[in-house]
C-alpha atoms as a PDB file:
ATOM      1  CA  MET A   1       4.976   2.345  11.272  1.00  0.00           C
ATOM      2  CA  PRO A   2       8.190   0.448  10.408  1.00  0.00           C
ATOM      3  CA  ARG A   3       9.816   3.753   9.398  1.00  0.00           C
ATOM      4  CA  ILE A   4       9.116   5.706  12.585  1.00  0.00           C
ATOM      5  CA  THR A   5      12.529   5.063  14.184  1.00  0.00           C
ATOM      6  CA  ARG A   6      14.289   6.340  11.047  1.00  0.00           C
ATOM      7  CA  PHE A   7      11.878   9.258  10.904  1.00  0.00           C
ATOM      8  CA  GLN A   8      12.603  10.266  14.496  1.00  0.00           C
ATOM      9  CA  SER A   9      16.336  10.039  13.827  1.00  0.00           C
ATOM     10  CA  THR A  10      15.979  12.315  10.777  1.00  0.00           C
ATOM     11  CA  PHE A  11      13.443  14.697  12.356  1.00  0.00           C
ATOM     12  CA  PRO A  12      14.126  14.590  16.121  1.00  0.00           C
ATOM     13  CA  ASN A  13      12.100  17.758  16.800  1.00  0.00           C
ATOM     14  CA  VAL A  14       8.963  16.748  14.892  1.00  0.00           C
ATOM     15  CA  ASP A  15       6.038  15.214  16.760  1.00  0.00           C
ATOM     16  CA  LEU A  16       3.677  12.879  14.919  1.00  0.00           C
ATOM     17  CA  ARG A  17      -0.097  12.720  15.261  1.00  0.00           C
ATOM     18  CA  PHE A  18      -2.054  10.402  12.956  1.00  0.00           C
ATOM     19  CA  GLN A  19      -5.672  10.742  11.892  1.00  0.00           C
ATOM     20  CA  LEU A  20      -6.821   7.408  10.472  1.00  0.00           C
ATOM     21  CA  ILE A  21      -9.919   7.586   8.284  1.00  0.00           C
ATOM     22  CA  PRO A  22     -12.116   4.486   7.951  1.00  0.00           C
ATOM     23  CA  GLY A  23     -13.516   3.966   4.476  1.00  0.00           C
ATOM     24  CA  PRO A  24     -12.641   6.052   1.394  1.00  0.00           C
ATOM     25  CA  VAL A  25      -9.775   8.480   2.014  1.00  0.00           C
ATOM     26  CA  THR A  26     -11.298  11.777   0.873  1.00  0.00           C
ATOM     27  CA  GLY A  27     -12.176  15.213   2.173  1.00  0.00           C
ATOM     28  CA  GLU A  28     -10.519  18.450   3.177  1.00  0.00           C
ATOM     29  CA  LEU A  29      -7.235  18.466   5.073  1.00  0.00           C
ATOM     30  CA  GLY A  30      -8.516  20.658   7.905  1.00  0.00           C
ATOM     31  CA  ASP A  31      -5.691  21.169  10.410  1.00  0.00           C
ATOM     32  CA  VAL A  32      -3.608  18.305   8.983  1.00  0.00           C
ATOM     33  CA  ASP A  33      -0.143  19.123   7.597  1.00  0.00           C
ATOM     34  CA  ILE A  34       0.157  16.148   5.209  1.00  0.00           C
ATOM     35  CA  ALA A  35      -2.582  13.873   3.885  1.00  0.00           C
ATOM     36  CA  MET A  36      -2.629  10.953   1.468  1.00  0.00           C
ATOM     37  CA  ARG A  37      -5.445  11.040  -1.075  1.00  0.00           C
ATOM     38  CA  TYR A  38      -6.530   8.953  -4.072  1.00  0.00           C
ATOM     39  CA  GLY A  39      -8.170  10.294  -7.203  1.00  0.00           C
ATOM     40  CA  ALA A  40      -8.461  10.272 -10.961  1.00  0.00           C
ATOM     41  CA  PRO A  41      -5.262  11.057 -12.898  1.00  0.00           C
ATOM     42  CA  GLY A  42      -4.961  14.750 -13.619  1.00  0.00           C
ATOM     43  CA  LYS A  43      -7.847  15.651 -11.310  1.00  0.00           C
ATOM     44  CA  THR A  44      -6.283  15.178  -7.878  1.00  0.00           C
ATOM     45  CA  PRO A  45      -3.979  17.892  -6.498  1.00  0.00           C
ATOM     46  CA  GLY A  46      -0.813  17.192  -4.549  1.00  0.00           C
ATOM     47  CA  ARG A  47       2.549  15.530  -5.005  1.00  0.00           C
ATOM     48  CA  PHE A  48       2.398  12.375  -7.105  1.00  0.00           C
ATOM     49  CA  VAL A  49       3.326   9.261  -5.114  1.00  0.00           C
ATOM     50  CA  MET A  50       2.414   6.355  -7.393  1.00  0.00           C
ATOM     51  CA  GLN A  51      -0.417   4.798  -9.337  1.00  0.00           C
ATOM     52  CA  GLU A  52      -2.744   3.030  -6.932  1.00  0.00           C
ATOM     53  CA  ALA A  53      -1.824  -0.647  -7.224  1.00  0.00           C
ATOM     54  CA  TYR A  54      -2.644  -3.894  -5.446  1.00  0.00           C
ATOM     55  CA  VAL A  55      -0.865  -7.218  -5.461  1.00  0.00           C
ATOM     56  CA  PRO A  56      -1.782 -10.439  -3.599  1.00  0.00           C
ATOM     57  CA  VAL A  57       0.812 -10.955  -0.847  1.00  0.00           C
ATOM     58  CA  CYS A  58       1.629 -13.617   1.722  1.00  0.00           C
ATOM     59  CA  ALA A  59       4.437 -14.590   4.062  1.00  0.00           C
ATOM     60  CA  PRO A  60       7.439 -16.350   2.481  1.00  0.00           C
ATOM     61  CA  GLY A  61       6.897 -20.089   2.584  1.00  0.00           C
ATOM     62  CA  TYR A  62       3.129 -19.821   3.016  1.00  0.00           C
ATOM     63  CA  TYR A  63       2.591 -22.142   0.068  1.00  0.00           C
ATOM     64  CA  ASP A  64       5.195 -24.552   1.444  1.00  0.00           C
ATOM     65  CA  ASP A  65       2.686 -25.392   4.182  1.00  0.00           C
ATOM     66  CA  THR A  66      -0.578 -24.725   2.306  1.00  0.00           C
ATOM     67  CA  ALA A  67      -1.685 -26.147  -1.012  1.00  0.00           C
ATOM     68  CA  ARG A  68      -2.645 -23.333  -3.358  1.00  0.00           C
ATOM     69  CA  GLU A  69      -6.175 -24.692  -3.665  1.00  0.00           C
ATOM     70  CA  ASP A  70      -6.513 -24.482   0.143  1.00  0.00           C
ATOM     71  CA  ALA A  71      -5.213 -20.912   0.419  1.00  0.00           C
ATOM     72  CA  THR A  72      -7.015 -18.574   2.822  1.00  0.00           C
ATOM     73  CA  LEU A  73      -7.992 -15.120   1.634  1.00  0.00           C
ATOM     74  CA  ILE A  74      -7.576 -12.339   4.207  1.00  0.00           C
ATOM     75  CA  LEU A  75     -10.232  -9.697   3.581  1.00  0.00           C
ATOM     76  CA  LEU A  76     -10.899  -6.165   4.700  1.00  0.00           C
ATOM     77  CA  GLU A  77     -14.550  -5.929   5.767  1.00  0.00           C
ATOM     78  CA  SER A  78     -15.372  -3.379   3.049  1.00  0.00           C
ATOM     79  CA  ASP A  79     -13.941  -5.540   0.260  1.00  0.00           C
ATOM     80  CA  ILE A  80     -16.214  -7.395  -2.138  1.00  0.00           C
ATOM     81  CA  PRO A  81     -15.227 -11.089  -2.334  1.00  0.00           C
ATOM     82  CA  GLY A  82     -17.391 -11.623  -5.432  1.00  0.00           C
ATOM     83  CA  ASP A  83     -15.321  -9.158  -7.428  1.00  0.00           C
ATOM     84  CA  PRO A  84     -13.084 -10.790 -10.087  1.00  0.00           C
ATOM     85  CA  GLN A  85     -10.011  -9.303  -8.365  1.00  0.00           C
ATOM     86  CA  TRP A  86     -10.519 -11.859  -5.614  1.00  0.00           C
ATOM     87  CA  THR A  87      -9.411 -14.762  -7.817  1.00  0.00           C
ATOM     88  CA  PRO A  88      -5.869 -13.513  -8.449  1.00  0.00           C
ATOM     89  CA  LEU A  89      -3.952 -16.769  -8.144  1.00  0.00           C
ATOM     90  CA  ASP A  90      -2.050 -17.412 -11.370  1.00  0.00           C
ATOM     91  CA  SER A  91      -3.962 -20.665 -11.722  1.00  0.00           C
ATOM     92  CA  GLY A  92      -7.279 -18.784 -11.598  1.00  0.00           C
ATOM     93  CA  GLN A  93      -8.240 -20.896  -8.585  1.00  0.00           C
ATOM     94  CA  PRO A  94     -10.579 -18.981  -6.239  1.00  0.00           C
ATOM     95  CA  TYR A  95      -9.894 -18.921  -2.531  1.00  0.00           C
ATOM     96  CA  ARG A  96     -11.682 -21.598  -0.493  1.00  0.00           C
ATOM     97  CA  ASN A  97     -11.339 -20.047   2.986  1.00  0.00           C
ATOM     98  CA  LYS A  98     -11.698 -16.443   4.155  1.00  0.00           C
ATOM     99  CA  LEU A  99     -10.689 -14.360   7.171  1.00  0.00           C
ATOM    100  CA  THR A 100     -12.337 -10.934   7.446  1.00  0.00           C
ATOM    101  CA  PHE A 101     -11.185  -7.992   9.560  1.00  0.00           C
ATOM    102  CA  SER A 102     -12.490  -4.427   9.930  1.00  0.00           C
ATOM    103  CA  ASP A 103      -8.984  -2.913  10.163  1.00  0.00           C
ATOM    104  CA  TYR A 104      -6.465  -3.085   7.325  1.00  0.00           C
ATOM    105  CA  SER A 105      -3.503  -3.088   9.722  1.00  0.00           C
ATOM    106  CA  VAL A 106      -4.795  -6.422  11.081  1.00  0.00           C
ATOM    107  CA  VAL A 107      -5.159  -7.720   7.505  1.00  0.00           C
ATOM    108  CA  VAL A 108      -1.460  -6.975   6.933  1.00  0.00           C
ATOM    109  CA  GLN A 109      -0.480  -8.459  10.303  1.00  0.00           C
ATOM    110  CA  ALA A 110      -2.354 -11.679   9.504  1.00  0.00           C
ATOM    111  CA  ALA A 111      -0.499 -11.967   6.200  1.00  0.00           C
ATOM    112  CA  LEU A 112       2.839 -11.281   7.910  1.00  0.00           C
ATOM    113  CA  VAL A 113       2.336 -14.141  10.361  1.00  0.00           C
ATOM    114  CA  GLY A 114       1.371 -16.607   7.643  1.00  0.00           C
ATOM    115  CA  GLN A 115      -2.414 -16.791   8.001  1.00  0.00           C
ATOM    116  CA  GLY A 116      -3.186 -16.433   4.293  1.00  0.00           C
ATOM    117  CA  VAL A 117      -3.106 -14.176   1.249  1.00  0.00           C
ATOM    118  CA  ALA A 118      -4.066 -10.500   1.475  1.00  0.00           C
ATOM    119  CA  LEU A 119      -4.604  -7.967  -1.259  1.00  0.00           C
ATOM    120  CA  GLY A 120      -1.676  -5.647  -0.569  1.00  0.00           C
ATOM    121  CA  TRP A 121      -2.007  -1.936  -1.257  1.00  0.00           C
ATOM    122  CA  LEU A 122       1.514  -1.315  -2.490  1.00  0.00           C
ATOM    123  CA  ASN A 123       1.879   2.071  -0.818  1.00  0.00           C
ATOM    124  CA  ILE A 124       1.171   0.315   2.512  1.00  0.00           C
ATOM    125  CA  VAL A 125       2.904  -3.074   2.159  1.00  0.00           C
ATOM    126  CA  ALA A 126       5.928  -1.803   0.191  1.00  0.00           C
ATOM    127  CA  HIS A 127       8.186  -1.784   3.264  1.00  0.00           C
ATOM    128  CA  TRP A 128       7.397  -5.390   4.162  1.00  0.00           C
ATOM    129  CA  MET A 129       7.838  -6.500   0.565  1.00  0.00           C
ATOM    130  CA  GLY A 130      11.113  -4.592   0.300  1.00  0.00           C
ATOM    131  CA  GLN A 131      12.299  -6.409   3.439  1.00  0.00           C
ATOM    132  CA  GLY A 132      11.155  -9.785   2.077  1.00  0.00           C
ATOM    133  CA  ARG A 133       8.644 -10.227   4.932  1.00  0.00           C
ATOM    134  CA  LEU A 134       5.808 -10.334   2.388  1.00  0.00           C
ATOM    135  CA  VAL A 135       6.123 -11.788  -1.113  1.00  0.00           C
ATOM    136  CA  PRO A 136       3.793 -11.770  -4.139  1.00  0.00           C
ATOM    137  CA  ALA A 137       1.295 -14.628  -4.056  1.00  0.00           C
ATOM    138  CA  SER A 138       0.902 -14.212  -7.815  1.00  0.00           C
ATOM    139  CA  SER A 139       2.218 -11.959 -10.575  1.00  0.00           C
ATOM    140  CA  THR A 140      -1.167 -10.248 -10.859  1.00  0.00           C
ATOM    141  CA  VAL A 141      -0.998  -6.490 -10.250  1.00  0.00           C
ATOM    142  CA  MET A 142      -4.324  -4.669 -10.126  1.00  0.00           C
ATOM    143  CA  LEU A 143      -4.595  -1.006 -11.139  1.00  0.00           C
ATOM    144  CA  PRO A 144      -7.918   0.555 -10.125  1.00  0.00           C
ATOM    145  CA  GLY A 145      -7.144   3.649 -12.231  1.00  0.00           C
ATOM    146  CA  ARG A 146      -6.449   6.187  -9.496  1.00  0.00           C
ATOM    147  CA  GLU A 147      -3.330   8.057  -8.413  1.00  0.00           C
ATOM    148  CA  CYS A 148      -2.011   8.254  -4.876  1.00  0.00           C
ATOM    149  CA  ARG A 149      -0.921  11.794  -3.970  1.00  0.00           C
ATOM    150  CA  LEU A 150       0.376  13.638  -0.918  1.00  0.00           C
ATOM    151  CA  GLN A 151      -1.473  16.852  -0.171  1.00  0.00           C
ATOM    152  CA  LEU A 152       0.152  19.505   2.003  1.00  0.00           C
ATOM    153  CA  ARG A 153      -1.398  22.252   4.094  1.00  0.00           C
ATOM    154  CA  GLN A 154      -1.566  25.605   2.296  1.00  0.00           C
ATOM    155  CA  GLU A 155       1.747  27.488   2.473  1.00  0.00           C
ATOM    156  CA  GLU A 156       0.291  30.223   4.664  1.00  0.00           C
ATOM    157  CA  GLY A 157       0.999  29.134   8.217  1.00  0.00           C
ATOM    158  CA  ARG A 158       2.822  25.974   7.126  1.00  0.00           C
ATOM    159  CA  SER A 159       6.127  25.090   8.780  1.00  0.00           C
ATOM    160  CA  PRO A 160       9.039  24.627   6.325  1.00  0.00           C
ATOM    161  CA  VAL A 161       9.665  21.173   7.792  1.00  0.00           C
ATOM    162  CA  VAL A 162       6.372  19.921   6.307  1.00  0.00           C
ATOM    163  CA  SER A 163       7.852  19.913   2.782  1.00  0.00           C
ATOM    164  CA  GLU A 164      10.971  18.179   4.095  1.00  0.00           C
ATOM    165  CA  VAL A 165       8.850  15.458   5.706  1.00  0.00           C
ATOM    166  CA  ALA A 166       6.868  14.995   2.473  1.00  0.00           C
ATOM    167  CA  ASP A 167      10.128  14.657   0.510  1.00  0.00           C
ATOM    168  CA  TRP A 168      11.393  12.078   3.014  1.00  0.00           C
ATOM    169  CA  LEU A 169       8.188  10.037   2.817  1.00  0.00           C
ATOM    170  CA  LEU A 170       8.364   9.939  -0.976  1.00  0.00           C
ATOM    171  CA  GLN A 171      12.045   8.921  -0.941  1.00  0.00           C
ATOM    172  CA  GLU A 172      11.348   6.107   1.529  1.00  0.00           C
ATOM    173  CA  LEU A 173       8.416   4.701  -0.437  1.00  0.00           C
ATOM    174  CA  HIS A 174      10.179   4.945  -3.798  1.00  0.00           C
ATOM    175  CA  ALA A 175      13.241   3.179  -2.356  1.00  0.00           C
ATOM    176  CA  ASP A 176      10.998   0.320  -1.188  1.00  0.00           C
ATOM    177  CA  LEU A 177       9.263   0.113  -4.577  1.00  0.00           C
ATOM    178  CA  SER A 178      12.645   0.024  -6.331  1.00  0.00           C
ATOM    179  CA  ALA A 179      13.720  -2.853  -4.068  1.00  0.00           C
ATOM    180  CA  ILE A 180      10.507  -4.754  -4.859  1.00  0.00           C
ATOM    181  CA  SER A 181      10.964  -4.141  -8.581  1.00  0.00           C
ATOM    182  CA  ALA A 182      14.508  -5.525  -8.413  1.00  0.00           C
ATOM    183  CA  SER A 183      13.426  -8.615  -6.434  1.00  0.00           C
ATOM    184  CA  HIS A 184      10.231  -9.253  -8.409  1.00  0.00           C
ATOM    185  CA  PRO A 185      10.676  -7.996 -11.984  1.00  0.00           C
ATOM    186  CA  GLU A 186       7.674 -10.093 -13.043  1.00  0.00           C
ATOM    187  CA  LEU A 187       5.431  -7.498 -11.373  1.00  0.00           C
ATOM    188  CA  GLU A 188       6.630  -4.799 -13.821  1.00  0.00           C
ATOM    189  CA  LEU A 189       6.190  -2.010 -11.286  1.00  0.00           C
ATOM    190  CA  ASP A 190       8.143   0.693 -13.139  1.00  0.00           C
ATOM    191  CA  SER A 191       5.017   1.999 -14.873  1.00  0.00           C
ATOM    192  CA  ILE A 192       3.189   2.727 -11.626  1.00  0.00           C
ATOM    193  CA  MET A 193       5.903   5.230 -10.673  1.00  0.00           C
ATOM    194  CA  LYS A 194       4.854   7.609 -13.450  1.00  0.00           C
ATOM    195  CA  PRO A 195       1.737   9.792 -13.390  1.00  0.00           C
ATOM    196  CA  GLY A 196      -0.912   9.342 -16.031  1.00  0.00           C
ATOM    197  CA  ASN A 197      -0.317   5.627 -16.652  1.00  0.00           C
ATOM    198  CA  ALA A 198      -3.286   4.286 -14.738  1.00  0.00           C
ATOM    199  CA  ALA A 199      -5.162   1.514 -16.534  1.00  0.00           C
END
């Protein structure tokens, strides 16, 4: 969403229509031109985007107002709070309070306005981290072992602009990830930019 103005400036004649899928992002493309999919390395077709990666994120200054032991965890409804990934503070301290939402966009919004710590999917929160609106809440980066890839409609009947849009999306995301890597070298994000390195 934060890139739409730049997108419209670059592609003034392209209309956007989004199909948002609740739950696991899988399945055939159907009449969609570009889709984002996750899968095992080497087994998922499409243009490589990045290794799937998560990092705990919060608004800058969140811990200035909240003691780390009183931090609130912002959950997506489908997440499993008992999983070990939900104790990612460097101190190992689990979260005392929880906020749960059914929509990941609201999870990100709650983190942006300083309501707690969210597990940030890097391909989604990269823009806000690149802008400094979200910062790592710890140096823990979680790698579930899947790759994120862009899949394009079959060439037959596909407009040439579809490949141009896919190239633009990849350039935008990689620029954000490079900015995060420069600002937060402790995250060691370079490895997630190469296929086949999933843990």
